[in-house]
Amino acid sequence: MSTTVLSQEEKKAFVLPPIHTKVGEPFSITLEDNPSTGFTQALTKLPAHIALIEDKYFPSSSHLLGAPGTRKFTFVALEKGEGTIAFNSIKFTHPKPTVAPRNPMQERFVIVS
């Protein structure tokens, strides 16, 4: 499997620090999510050497109508490499889904050793 190799300059473009993990070691990314708006967080980019093992939504503990919860994505690295995991807020509308522009919090760089 091939991986994307980013230059140091490209790596600096990420707002959040990279995630360092090891082969076979699960790791999670948690994002704010508010399905009551019709939009939900969706995984839109995943390197070939990383697998999604769970996607779970947790409602707000405030129980207020329309309060955002969180969505936790759990992954495992299958082999060494590095690459970008990205998400977009998507509203599944007819005839085409509405995809909100990606914000910096929806993109993480992962380094697997």
PDB file of N, CA and C in Angstrom:
ATOM      1  N   MET A   1       0.841  -1.182   0.000  1.00  0.00           N
ATOM      2  CA  MET A   1       0.000   0.000   0.000  1.00  0.00           C
ATOM      3  C   MET A   1       0.882   1.240   0.000  1.00  0.00           C
ATOM      4  N   SER A   2       0.442   2.252  -0.701  1.00  0.00           N
ATOM      5  CA  SER A   2       1.227   3.487  -0.724  1.00  0.00           C
ATOM      6  C   SER A   2       0.656   4.484   0.275  1.00  0.00           C
ATOM      7  N   THR A   3       1.518   5.369   0.741  1.00  0.00           N
ATOM      8  CA  THR A   3       1.086   6.411   1.659  1.00  0.00           C
ATOM      9  C   THR A   3       1.485   7.753   1.092  1.00  0.00           C
ATOM     10  N   THR A   4       0.788   8.783   1.512  1.00  0.00           N
ATOM     11  CA  THR A   4       1.102  10.135   1.091  1.00  0.00           C
ATOM     12  C   THR A   4       2.199  10.679   1.985  1.00  0.00           C
ATOM     13  N   VAL A   5       3.257  11.184   1.380  1.00  0.00           N
ATOM     14  CA  VAL A   5       4.336  11.791   2.150  1.00  0.00           C
ATOM     15  C   VAL A   5       4.242  13.299   1.967  1.00  0.00           C
ATOM     16  N   LEU A   6       4.050  14.012   3.067  1.00  0.00           N
ATOM     17  CA  LEU A   6       3.922  15.464   3.020  1.00  0.00           C
ATOM     18  C   LEU A   6       5.251  16.121   3.343  1.00  0.00           C
ATOM     19  N   SER A   7       5.473  17.265   2.727  1.00  0.00           N
ATOM     20  CA  SER A   7       6.665  18.049   3.046  1.00  0.00           C
ATOM     21  C   SER A   7       6.495  18.671   4.431  1.00  0.00           C
ATOM     22  N   GLN A   8       7.586  19.164   5.008  1.00  0.00           N
ATOM     23  CA  GLN A   8       7.511  19.831   6.312  1.00  0.00           C
ATOM     24  C   GLN A   8       6.571  21.028   6.234  1.00  0.00           C
ATOM     25  N   GLU A   9       6.589  21.745   5.128  1.00  0.00           N
ATOM     26  CA  GLU A   9       5.714  22.911   4.952  1.00  0.00           C
ATOM     27  C   GLU A   9       4.242  22.495   4.966  1.00  0.00           C
ATOM     28  N   GLU A  10       3.923  21.393   4.278  1.00  0.00           N
ATOM     29  CA  GLU A  10       2.542  20.903   4.261  1.00  0.00           C
ATOM     30  C   GLU A  10       2.107  20.444   5.651  1.00  0.00           C
ATOM     31  N   LYS A  11       3.019  19.810   6.385  1.00  0.00           N
ATOM     32  CA  LYS A  11       2.690  19.351   7.738  1.00  0.00           C
ATOM     33  C   LYS A  11       2.400  20.524   8.666  1.00  0.00           C
ATOM     34  N   LYS A  12       3.056  21.662   8.457  1.00  0.00           N
ATOM     35  CA  LYS A  12       2.842  22.847   9.294  1.00  0.00           C
ATOM     36  C   LYS A  12       1.463  23.460   9.067  1.00  0.00           C
ATOM     37  N   ALA A  13       0.810  23.124   7.946  1.00  0.00           N
ATOM     38  CA  ALA A  13      -0.502  23.687   7.636  1.00  0.00           C
ATOM     39  C   ALA A  13      -1.599  23.136   8.553  1.00  0.00           C
ATOM     40  N   PHE A  14      -1.345  22.016   9.220  1.00  0.00           N
ATOM     41  CA  PHE A  14      -2.341  21.439  10.111  1.00  0.00           C
ATOM     42  C   PHE A  14      -2.414  22.249  11.400  1.00  0.00           C
ATOM     43  N   VAL A  15      -3.624  22.523  11.859  1.00  0.00           N
ATOM     44  CA  VAL A  15      -3.837  23.299  13.075  1.00  0.00           C
ATOM     45  C   VAL A  15      -3.539  22.453  14.312  1.00  0.00           C
ATOM     46  N   LEU A  16      -3.954  21.210  14.284  1.00  0.00           N
ATOM     47  CA  LEU A  16      -3.773  20.313  15.426  1.00  0.00           C
ATOM     48  C   LEU A  16      -2.480  19.516  15.276  1.00  0.00           C
ATOM     49  N   PRO A  17      -1.860  19.139  16.381  1.00  0.00           N
ATOM     50  CA  PRO A  17      -0.625  18.356  16.288  1.00  0.00           C
ATOM     51  C   PRO A  17      -0.904  16.980  15.684  1.00  0.00           C
ATOM     52  N   PRO A  18       0.112  16.347  15.094  1.00  0.00           N
ATOM     53  CA  PRO A  18      -0.111  15.018  14.517  1.00  0.00           C
ATOM     54  C   PRO A  18      -0.415  13.989  15.600  1.00  0.00           C
ATOM     55  N   ILE A  19      -1.091  12.955  15.192  1.00  0.00           N
ATOM     56  CA  ILE A  19      -1.364  11.822  16.071  1.00  0.00           C
ATOM     57  C   ILE A  19      -0.255  10.804  15.821  1.00  0.00           C
ATOM     58  N   HIS A  20       0.441  10.406  16.871  1.00  0.00           N
ATOM     59  CA  HIS A  20       1.473   9.372  16.773  1.00  0.00           C
ATOM     60  C   HIS A  20       0.897   8.085  17.339  1.00  0.00           C
ATOM     61  N   THR A  21       0.999   7.008  16.572  1.00  0.00           N
ATOM     62  CA  THR A  21       0.465   5.724  17.020  1.00  0.00           C
ATOM     63  C   THR A  21       1.354   4.604  16.516  1.00  0.00           C
ATOM     64  N   LYS A  22       1.057   3.397  16.929  1.00  0.00           N
ATOM     65  CA  LYS A  22       1.817   2.218  16.511  1.00  0.00           C
ATOM     66  C   LYS A  22       0.884   1.252  15.784  1.00  0.00           C
ATOM     67  N   VAL A  23       1.464   0.390  14.967  1.00  0.00           N
ATOM     68  CA  VAL A  23       0.692  -0.621  14.253  1.00  0.00           C
ATOM     69  C   VAL A  23      -0.082  -1.456  15.272  1.00  0.00           C
ATOM     70  N   GLY A  24      -1.386  -1.632  15.018  1.00  0.00           N
ATOM     71  CA  GLY A  24      -2.243  -2.429  15.886  1.00  0.00           C
ATOM     72  C   GLY A  24      -2.788  -1.704  17.097  1.00  0.00           C
ATOM     73  N   GLU A  25      -2.373  -0.467  17.309  1.00  0.00           N
ATOM     74  CA  GLU A  25      -2.801   0.307  18.483  1.00  0.00           C
ATOM     75  C   GLU A  25      -3.994   1.197  18.106  1.00  0.00           C
ATOM     76  N   PRO A  26      -5.166   0.991  18.714  1.00  0.00           N
ATOM     77  CA  PRO A  26      -6.319   1.835  18.393  1.00  0.00           C
ATOM     78  C   PRO A  26      -6.101   3.282  18.847  1.00  0.00           C
ATOM     79  N   PHE A  27      -6.684   4.220  18.107  1.00  0.00           N
ATOM     80  CA  PHE A  27      -6.684   5.631  18.492  1.00  0.00           C
ATOM     81  C   PHE A  27      -8.006   6.236  18.054  1.00  0.00           C
ATOM     82  N   SER A  28      -8.387   7.337  18.697  1.00  0.00           N
ATOM     83  CA  SER A  28      -9.695   7.949  18.430  1.00  0.00           C
ATOM     84  C   SER A  28      -9.565   9.421  18.100  1.00  0.00           C
ATOM     85  N   ILE A  29     -10.523   9.889  17.317  1.00  0.00           N
ATOM     86  CA  ILE A  29     -10.691  11.310  17.023  1.00  0.00           C
ATOM     87  C   ILE A  29     -12.136  11.639  17.363  1.00  0.00           C
ATOM     88  N   THR A  30     -12.345  12.647  18.213  1.00  0.00           N
ATOM     89  CA  THR A  30     -13.688  13.043  18.636  1.00  0.00           C
ATOM     90  C   THR A  30     -13.976  14.447  18.126  1.00  0.00           C
ATOM     91  N   LEU A  31     -15.135  14.606  17.483  1.00  0.00           N
ATOM     92  CA  LEU A  31     -15.548  15.886  16.912  1.00  0.00           C
ATOM     93  C   LEU A  31     -16.921  16.275  17.436  1.00  0.00           C
ATOM     94  N   GLU A  32     -17.172  17.577  17.543  1.00  0.00           N
ATOM     95  CA  GLU A  32     -18.516  18.036  17.884  1.00  0.00           C
ATOM     96  C   GLU A  32     -19.433  17.688  16.720  1.00  0.00           C
ATOM     97  N   ASP A  33     -20.635  17.229  17.037  1.00  0.00           N
ATOM     98  CA  ASP A  33     -21.596  16.838  16.006  1.00  0.00           C
ATOM     99  C   ASP A  33     -22.990  17.231  16.471  1.00  0.00           C
ATOM    100  N   ASN A  34     -23.814  17.699  15.541  1.00  0.00           N
ATOM    101  CA  ASN A  34     -25.164  18.121  15.885  1.00  0.00           C
ATOM    102  C   ASN A  34     -26.135  17.671  14.798  1.00  0.00           C
ATOM    103  N   PRO A  35     -26.534  16.392  14.821  1.00  0.00           N
ATOM    104  CA  PRO A  35     -27.431  15.877  13.793  1.00  0.00           C
ATOM    105  C   PRO A  35     -28.785  16.580  13.731  1.00  0.00           C
ATOM    106  N   SER A  36     -29.177  17.306  14.799  1.00  0.00           N
ATOM    107  CA  SER A  36     -30.468  18.004  14.777  1.00  0.00           C
ATOM    108  C   SER A  36     -30.494  19.096  13.708  1.00  0.00           C
ATOM    109  N   THR A  37     -29.332  19.521  13.222  1.00  0.00           N
ATOM    110  CA  THR A  37     -29.260  20.524  12.148  1.00  0.00           C
ATOM    111  C   THR A  37     -29.422  19.885  10.775  1.00  0.00           C
ATOM    112  N   GLY A  38     -29.419  18.554  10.740  1.00  0.00           N
ATOM    113  CA  GLY A  38     -29.459  17.846   9.468  1.00  0.00           C
ATOM    114  C   GLY A  38     -28.066  17.475   8.981  1.00  0.00           C
ATOM    115  N   PHE A  39     -27.037  18.114   9.542  1.00  0.00           N
ATOM    116  CA  PHE A  39     -25.655  17.799   9.176  1.00  0.00           C
ATOM    117  C   PHE A  39     -25.081  16.801  10.171  1.00  0.00           C
ATOM    118  N   THR A  40     -24.227  15.927   9.685  1.00  0.00           N
ATOM    119  CA  THR A  40     -23.519  14.997  10.559  1.00  0.00           C
ATOM    120  C   THR A  40     -22.071  14.892  10.110  1.00  0.00           C
ATOM    121  N   GLN A  41     -21.178  14.607  11.040  1.00  0.00           N
ATOM    122  CA  GLN A  41     -19.765  14.438  10.704  1.00  0.00           C
ATOM    123  C   GLN A  41     -19.601  13.127   9.937  1.00  0.00           C
ATOM    124  N   ALA A  42     -18.892  13.182   8.821  1.00  0.00           N
ATOM    125  CA  ALA A  42     -18.651  11.987   8.020  1.00  0.00           C
ATOM    126  C   ALA A  42     -17.173  11.895   7.675  1.00  0.00           C
ATOM    127  N   LEU A  43     -16.643  10.695   7.732  1.00  0.00           N
ATOM    128  CA  LEU A  43     -15.265  10.434   7.346  1.00  0.00           C
ATOM    129  C   LEU A  43     -15.175  10.537   5.830  1.00  0.00           C
ATOM    130  N   THR A  44     -14.320  11.420   5.313  1.00  0.00           N
ATOM    131  CA  THR A  44     -14.235  11.616   3.864  1.00  0.00           C
ATOM    132  C   THR A  44     -12.861  11.304   3.283  1.00  0.00           C
ATOM    133  N   LYS A  45     -11.857  11.098   4.143  1.00  0.00           N
ATOM    134  CA  LYS A  45     -10.518  10.769   3.644  1.00  0.00           C
ATOM    135  C   LYS A  45      -9.822   9.899   4.680  1.00  0.00           C
ATOM    136  N   LEU A  46      -9.295   8.751   4.229  1.00  0.00           N
ATOM    137  CA  LEU A  46      -8.644   7.811   5.134  1.00  0.00           C
ATOM    138  C   LEU A  46      -7.489   7.134   4.400  1.00  0.00           C
ATOM    139  N   PRO A  47      -6.274   7.194   4.953  1.00  0.00           N
ATOM    140  CA  PRO A  47      -5.147   6.504   4.314  1.00  0.00           C
ATOM    141  C   PRO A  47      -5.392   4.993   4.261  1.00  0.00           C
ATOM    142  N   ALA A  48      -4.819   4.342   3.263  1.00  0.00           N
ATOM    143  CA  ALA A  48      -5.031   2.902   3.067  1.00  0.00           C
ATOM    144  C   ALA A  48      -4.480   2.060   4.212  1.00  0.00           C
ATOM    145  N   HIS A  49      -3.514   2.574   4.960  1.00  0.00           N
ATOM    146  CA  HIS A  49      -2.900   1.779   6.030  1.00  0.00           C
ATOM    147  C   HIS A  49      -3.586   1.965   7.387  1.00  0.00           C
ATOM    148  N   ILE A  50      -4.730   2.652   7.391  1.00  0.00           N
ATOM    149  CA  ILE A  50      -5.503   2.870   8.621  1.00  0.00           C
ATOM    150  C   ILE A  50      -6.938   2.403   8.374  1.00  0.00           C
ATOM    151  N   ALA A  51      -7.519   1.710   9.362  1.00  0.00           N
ATOM    152  CA  ALA A  51      -8.892   1.210   9.228  1.00  0.00           C
ATOM    153  C   ALA A  51      -9.790   1.827  10.297  1.00  0.00           C
ATOM    154  N   LEU A  52     -11.012   2.168   9.894  1.00  0.00           N
ATOM    155  CA  LEU A  52     -12.032   2.637  10.835  1.00  0.00           C
ATOM    156  C   LEU A  52     -12.621   1.408  11.519  1.00  0.00           C
ATOM    157  N   ILE A  53     -12.636   1.402  12.864  1.00  0.00           N
ATOM    158  CA  ILE A  53     -13.216   0.251  13.566  1.00  0.00           C
ATOM    159  C   ILE A  53     -14.496   0.598  14.322  1.00  0.00           C
ATOM    160  N   GLU A  54     -14.756   1.913  14.556  1.00  0.00           N
ATOM    161  CA  GLU A  54     -16.005   2.295  15.222  1.00  0.00           C
ATOM    162  C   GLU A  54     -16.313   3.763  14.953  1.00  0.00           C
ATOM    163  N   ASP A  55     -17.601   4.043  14.794  1.00  0.00           N
ATOM    164  CA  ASP A  55     -18.116   5.406  14.623  1.00  0.00           C
ATOM    165  C   ASP A  55     -19.324   5.497  15.548  1.00  0.00           C
ATOM    166  N   LYS A  56     -19.216   6.317  16.603  1.00  0.00           N
ATOM    167  CA  LYS A  56     -20.284   6.345  17.612  1.00  0.00           C
ATOM    168  C   LYS A  56     -20.639   7.783  17.974  1.00  0.00           C
ATOM    169  N   TYR A  57     -21.956   8.056  18.057  1.00  0.00           N
ATOM    170  CA  TYR A  57     -22.455   9.383  18.434  1.00  0.00           C
ATOM    171  C   TYR A  57     -22.841   9.384  19.911  1.00  0.00           C
ATOM    172  N   PHE A  58     -22.450  10.459  20.612  1.00  0.00           N
ATOM    173  CA  PHE A  58     -22.807  10.642  22.018  1.00  0.00           C
ATOM    174  C   PHE A  58     -23.607  11.933  22.149  1.00  0.00           C
ATOM    175  N   PRO A  59     -24.903  11.862  22.520  1.00  0.00           N
ATOM    176  CA  PRO A  59     -25.704  13.078  22.666  1.00  0.00           C
ATOM    177  C   PRO A  59     -25.178  13.962  23.796  1.00  0.00           C
ATOM    178  N   SER A  60     -25.590  15.209  23.769  1.00  0.00           N
ATOM    179  CA  SER A  60     -25.202  16.163  24.808  1.00  0.00           C
ATOM    180  C   SER A  60     -25.738  15.710  26.160  1.00  0.00           C
ATOM    181  N   SER A  61     -24.956  15.907  27.199  1.00  0.00           N
ATOM    182  CA  SER A  61     -25.419  15.554  28.547  1.00  0.00           C
ATOM    183  C   SER A  61     -26.405  16.583  29.092  1.00  0.00           C
ATOM    184  N   SER A  62     -26.537  17.737  28.415  1.00  0.00           N
ATOM    185  CA  SER A  62     -27.454  18.781  28.894  1.00  0.00           C
ATOM    186  C   SER A  62     -28.915  18.461  28.582  1.00  0.00           C
ATOM    187  N   HIS A  63     -29.152  17.575  27.622  1.00  0.00           N
ATOM    188  CA  HIS A  63     -30.501  17.182  27.199  1.00  0.00           C
ATOM    189  C   HIS A  63     -31.323  18.355  26.656  1.00  0.00           C
ATOM    190  N   LEU A  64     -30.683  19.473  26.325  1.00  0.00           N
ATOM    191  CA  LEU A  64     -31.390  20.593  25.715  1.00  0.00           C
ATOM    192  C   LEU A  64     -31.639  20.296  24.247  1.00  0.00           C
ATOM    193  N   LEU A  65     -32.810  20.664  23.762  1.00  0.00           N
ATOM    194  CA  LEU A  65     -33.161  20.460  22.371  1.00  0.00           C
ATOM    195  C   LEU A  65     -32.180  21.213  21.479  1.00  0.00           C
ATOM    196  N   GLY A  66     -31.574  20.523  20.529  1.00  0.00           N
ATOM    197  CA  GLY A  66     -30.642  21.154  19.597  1.00  0.00           C
ATOM    198  C   GLY A  66     -29.218  21.282  20.099  1.00  0.00           C
ATOM    199  N   ALA A  67     -28.941  20.823  21.322  1.00  0.00           N
ATOM    200  CA  ALA A  67     -27.575  20.917  21.862  1.00  0.00           C
ATOM    201  C   ALA A  67     -26.670  19.929  21.128  1.00  0.00           C
ATOM    202  N   PRO A  68     -25.471  20.363  20.761  1.00  0.00           N
ATOM    203  CA  PRO A  68     -24.571  19.454  20.047  1.00  0.00           C
ATOM    204  C   PRO A  68     -24.004  18.378  20.966  1.00  0.00           C
ATOM    205  N   GLY A  69     -23.771  17.226  20.379  1.00  0.00           N
ATOM    206  CA  GLY A  69     -23.096  16.138  21.076  1.00  0.00           C
ATOM    207  C   GLY A  69     -21.717  15.958  20.469  1.00  0.00           C
ATOM    208  N   THR A  70     -21.195  14.756  20.568  1.00  0.00           N
ATOM    209  CA  THR A  70     -19.899  14.460  19.964  1.00  0.00           C
ATOM    210  C   THR A  70     -19.983  13.148  19.193  1.00  0.00           C
ATOM    211  N   ARG A  71     -19.137  13.033  18.180  1.00  0.00           N
ATOM    212  CA  ARG A  71     -19.014  11.795  17.419  1.00  0.00           C
ATOM    213  C   ARG A  71     -17.575  11.325  17.559  1.00  0.00           C
ATOM    214  N   LYS A  72     -17.423  10.078  18.005  1.00  0.00           N
ATOM    215  CA  LYS A  72     -16.093   9.505  18.229  1.00  0.00           C
ATOM    216  C   LYS A  72     -15.808   8.459  17.149  1.00  0.00           C
ATOM    217  N   PHE A  73     -14.729   8.690  16.411  1.00  0.00           N
ATOM    218  CA  PHE A  73     -14.266   7.760  15.389  1.00  0.00           C
ATOM    219  C   PHE A  73     -13.042   7.035  15.957  1.00  0.00           C
ATOM    220  N   THR A  74     -13.066   5.703  15.949  1.00  0.00           N
ATOM    221  CA  THR A  74     -11.931   4.923  16.444  1.00  0.00           C
ATOM    222  C   THR A  74     -11.309   4.177  15.267  1.00  0.00           C
ATOM    223  N   PHE A  75      -9.986   4.255  15.197  1.00  0.00           N
ATOM    224  CA  PHE A  75      -9.225   3.683  14.090  1.00  0.00           C
ATOM    225  C   PHE A  75      -8.160   2.741  14.629  1.00  0.00           C
ATOM    226  N   VAL A  76      -7.591   1.929  13.733  1.00  0.00           N
ATOM    227  CA  VAL A  76      -6.415   1.124  14.051  1.00  0.00           C
ATOM    228  C   VAL A  76      -5.491   1.182  12.833  1.00  0.00           C
ATOM    229  N   ALA A  77      -4.192   1.283  13.114  1.00  0.00           N
ATOM    230  CA  ALA A  77      -3.200   1.305  12.042  1.00  0.00           C
ATOM    231  C   ALA A  77      -2.849  -0.129  11.655  1.00  0.00           C
ATOM    232  N   LEU A  78      -2.851  -0.399  10.356  1.00  0.00           N
ATOM    233  CA  LEU A  78      -2.567  -1.740   9.852  1.00  0.00           C
ATOM    234  C   LEU A  78      -1.093  -1.931   9.509  1.00  0.00           C
ATOM    235  N   GLU A  79      -0.420  -0.837   9.176  1.00  0.00           N
ATOM    236  CA  GLU A  79       1.011  -0.886   8.866  1.00  0.00           C
ATOM    237  C   GLU A  79       1.618   0.496   9.050  1.00  0.00           C
ATOM    238  N   LYS A  80       2.949   0.567   9.027  1.00  0.00           N
ATOM    239  CA  LYS A  80       3.642   1.843   9.213  1.00  0.00           C
ATOM    240  C   LYS A  80       3.360   2.780   8.042  1.00  0.00           C
ATOM    241  N   GLY A  81       3.386   4.075   8.323  1.00  0.00           N
ATOM    242  CA  GLY A  81       3.182   5.081   7.285  1.00  0.00           C
ATOM    243  C   GLY A  81       2.647   6.353   7.899  1.00  0.00           C
ATOM    244  N   GLU A  82       2.283   7.277   7.048  1.00  0.00           N
ATOM    245  CA  GLU A  82       1.674   8.521   7.514  1.00  0.00           C
ATOM    246  C   GLU A  82       0.669   8.984   6.480  1.00  0.00           C
ATOM    247  N   GLY A  83      -0.270   9.797   6.924  1.00  0.00           N
ATOM    248  CA  GLY A  83      -1.286  10.291   6.017  1.00  0.00           C
ATOM    249  C   GLY A  83      -2.321  11.123   6.744  1.00  0.00           C
ATOM    250  N   THR A  84      -3.268  11.616   5.983  1.00  0.00           N
ATOM    251  CA  THR A  84      -4.289  12.525   6.484  1.00  0.00           C
ATOM    252  C   THR A  84      -5.627  11.812   6.641  1.00  0.00           C
ATOM    253  N   ILE A  85      -6.262  12.046   7.783  1.00  0.00           N
ATOM    254  CA  ILE A  85      -7.646  11.628   8.006  1.00  0.00           C
ATOM    255  C   ILE A  85      -8.469  12.909   7.993  1.00  0.00           C
ATOM    256  N   ALA A  86      -9.541  12.929   7.198  1.00  0.00           N
ATOM    257  CA  ALA A  86     -10.346  14.145   7.090  1.00  0.00           C
ATOM    258  C   ALA A  86     -11.832  13.812   7.209  1.00  0.00           C
ATOM    259  N   PHE A  87     -12.574  14.802   7.689  1.00  0.00           N
ATOM    260  CA  PHE A  87     -14.016  14.694   7.886  1.00  0.00           C
ATOM    261  C   PHE A  87     -14.684  15.916   7.258  1.00  0.00           C
ATOM    262  N   ASN A  88     -15.942  15.771   6.898  1.00  0.00           N
ATOM    263  CA  ASN A  88     -16.763  16.899   6.465  1.00  0.00           C
ATOM    264  C   ASN A  88     -18.119  16.778   7.132  1.00  0.00           C
ATOM    265  N   SER A  89     -18.770  17.908   7.351  1.00  0.00           N
ATOM    266  CA  SER A  89     -20.158  17.902   7.799  1.00  0.00           C
ATOM    267  C   SER A  89     -21.013  17.729   6.554  1.00  0.00           C
ATOM    268  N   ILE A  90     -21.847  16.698   6.550  1.00  0.00           N
ATOM    269  CA  ILE A  90     -22.655  16.383   5.374  1.00  0.00           C
ATOM    270  C   ILE A  90     -24.121  16.313   5.772  1.00  0.00           C
ATOM    271  N   LYS A  91     -24.959  16.946   4.944  1.00  0.00           N
ATOM    272  CA  LYS A  91     -26.412  16.864   5.104  1.00  0.00           C
ATOM    273  C   LYS A  91     -26.916  16.026   3.936  1.00  0.00           C
ATOM    274  N   PHE A  92     -27.513  14.890   4.255  1.00  0.00           N
ATOM    275  CA  PHE A  92     -27.955  13.989   3.207  1.00  0.00           C
ATOM    276  C   PHE A  92     -29.314  14.446   2.688  1.00  0.00           C
ATOM    277  N   THR A  93     -29.264  15.280   1.654  1.00  0.00           N
ATOM    278  CA  THR A  93     -30.453  15.857   1.039  1.00  0.00           C
ATOM    279  C   THR A  93     -30.641  15.260  -0.348  1.00  0.00           C
ATOM    280  N   HIS A  94     -31.839  15.414  -0.877  1.00  0.00           N
ATOM    281  CA  HIS A  94     -32.136  14.898  -2.208  1.00  0.00           C
ATOM    282  C   HIS A  94     -32.118  16.048  -3.203  1.00  0.00           C
ATOM    283  N   PRO A  95     -31.615  15.970  -4.384  1.00  0.00           N
ATOM    284  CA  PRO A  95     -31.026  14.781  -5.011  1.00  0.00           C
ATOM    285  C   PRO A  95     -29.540  14.594  -4.704  1.00  0.00           C
ATOM    286  N   LYS A  96     -28.857  15.624  -4.196  1.00  0.00           N
ATOM    287  CA  LYS A  96     -27.436  15.489  -3.880  1.00  0.00           C
ATOM    288  C   LYS A  96     -27.188  15.924  -2.445  1.00  0.00           C
ATOM    289  N   PRO A  97     -26.270  15.249  -1.746  1.00  0.00           N
ATOM    290  CA  PRO A  97     -25.939  15.674  -0.382  1.00  0.00           C
ATOM    291  C   PRO A  97     -25.292  17.060  -0.372  1.00  0.00           C
ATOM    292  N   THR A  98     -25.510  17.802   0.698  1.00  0.00           N
ATOM    293  CA  THR A  98     -24.869  19.097   0.897  1.00  0.00           C
ATOM    294  C   THR A  98     -23.626  18.868   1.744  1.00  0.00           C
ATOM    295  N   VAL A  99     -22.474  19.285   1.237  1.00  0.00           N
ATOM    296  CA  VAL A  99     -21.213  19.103   1.954  1.00  0.00           C
ATOM    297  C   VAL A  99     -20.707  20.470   2.391  1.00  0.00           C
ATOM    298  N   ALA A 100     -20.608  20.665   3.704  1.00  0.00           N
ATOM    299  CA  ALA A 100     -20.097  21.932   4.237  1.00  0.00           C
ATOM    300  C   ALA A 100     -18.584  21.983   4.034  1.00  0.00           C
ATOM    301  N   PRO A 101     -18.027  23.173   3.832  1.00  0.00           N
ATOM    302  CA  PRO A 101     -16.568  23.279   3.698  1.00  0.00           C
ATOM    303  C   PRO A 101     -15.878  22.737   4.950  1.00  0.00           C
ATOM    304  N   ARG A 102     -14.734  22.092   4.743  1.00  0.00           N
ATOM    305  CA  ARG A 102     -13.978  21.509   5.852  1.00  0.00           C
ATOM    306  C   ARG A 102     -13.315  22.619   6.654  1.00  0.00           C
ATOM    307  N   ASN A 103     -13.375  22.501   7.984  1.00  0.00           N
ATOM    308  CA  ASN A 103     -12.656  23.449   8.837  1.00  0.00           C
ATOM    309  C   ASN A 103     -11.387  22.771   9.361  1.00  0.00           C
ATOM    310  N   PRO A 104     -10.429  23.530   9.870  1.00  0.00           N
ATOM    311  CA  PRO A 104      -9.145  22.949  10.295  1.00  0.00           C
ATOM    312  C   PRO A 104      -9.259  21.871  11.370  1.00  0.00           C
ATOM    313  N   MET A 105     -10.311  21.898  12.164  1.00  0.00           N
ATOM    314  CA  MET A 105     -10.476  20.893  13.217  1.00  0.00           C
ATOM    315  C   MET A 105     -10.901  19.539  12.644  1.00  0.00           C
ATOM    316  N   GLN A 106     -11.285  19.508  11.375  1.00  0.00           N
ATOM    317  CA  GLN A 106     -11.765  18.283  10.753  1.00  0.00           C
ATOM    318  C   GLN A 106     -10.675  17.558   9.965  1.00  0.00           C
ATOM    319  N   GLU A 107      -9.430  17.912  10.178  1.00  0.00           N
ATOM    320  CA  GLU A 107      -8.339  17.289   9.437  1.00  0.00           C
ATOM    321  C   GLU A 107      -7.189  16.976  10.390  1.00  0.00           C
ATOM    322  N   ARG A 108      -6.765  15.721  10.412  1.00  0.00           N
ATOM    323  CA  ARG A 108      -5.682  15.287  11.310  1.00  0.00           C
ATOM    324  C   ARG A 108      -4.633  14.528  10.516  1.00  0.00           C
ATOM    325  N   PHE A 109      -3.386  14.747  10.850  1.00  0.00           N
ATOM    326  CA  PHE A 109      -2.273  14.028  10.243  1.00  0.00           C
ATOM    327  C   PHE A 109      -1.863  12.927  11.211  1.00  0.00           C
ATOM    328  N   VAL A 110      -1.683  11.711  10.695  1.00  0.00           N
ATOM    329  CA  VAL A 110      -1.373  10.558  11.534  1.00  0.00           C
ATOM    330  C   VAL A 110      -0.032   9.962  11.112  1.00  0.00           C
ATOM    331  N   ILE A 111       0.813   9.683  12.101  1.00  0.00           N
ATOM    332  CA  ILE A 111       2.111   9.048  11.865  1.00  0.00           C
ATOM    333  C   ILE A 111       2.105   7.709  12.594  1.00  0.00           C
ATOM    334  N   VAL A 112       2.292   6.621  11.839  1.00  0.00           N
ATOM    335  CA  VAL A 112       2.283   5.272  12.401  1.00  0.00           C
ATOM    336  C   VAL A 112       3.705   4.723  12.383  1.00  0.00           C
ATOM    337  N   SER A 113       4.174   4.297  13.551  1.00  0.00           N
ATOM    338  CA  SER A 113       5.529   3.724  13.623  1.00  0.00           C
ATOM    339  C   SER A 113       5.472   2.267  14.052  1.00  0.00           C
TER     340      SER A 113
END
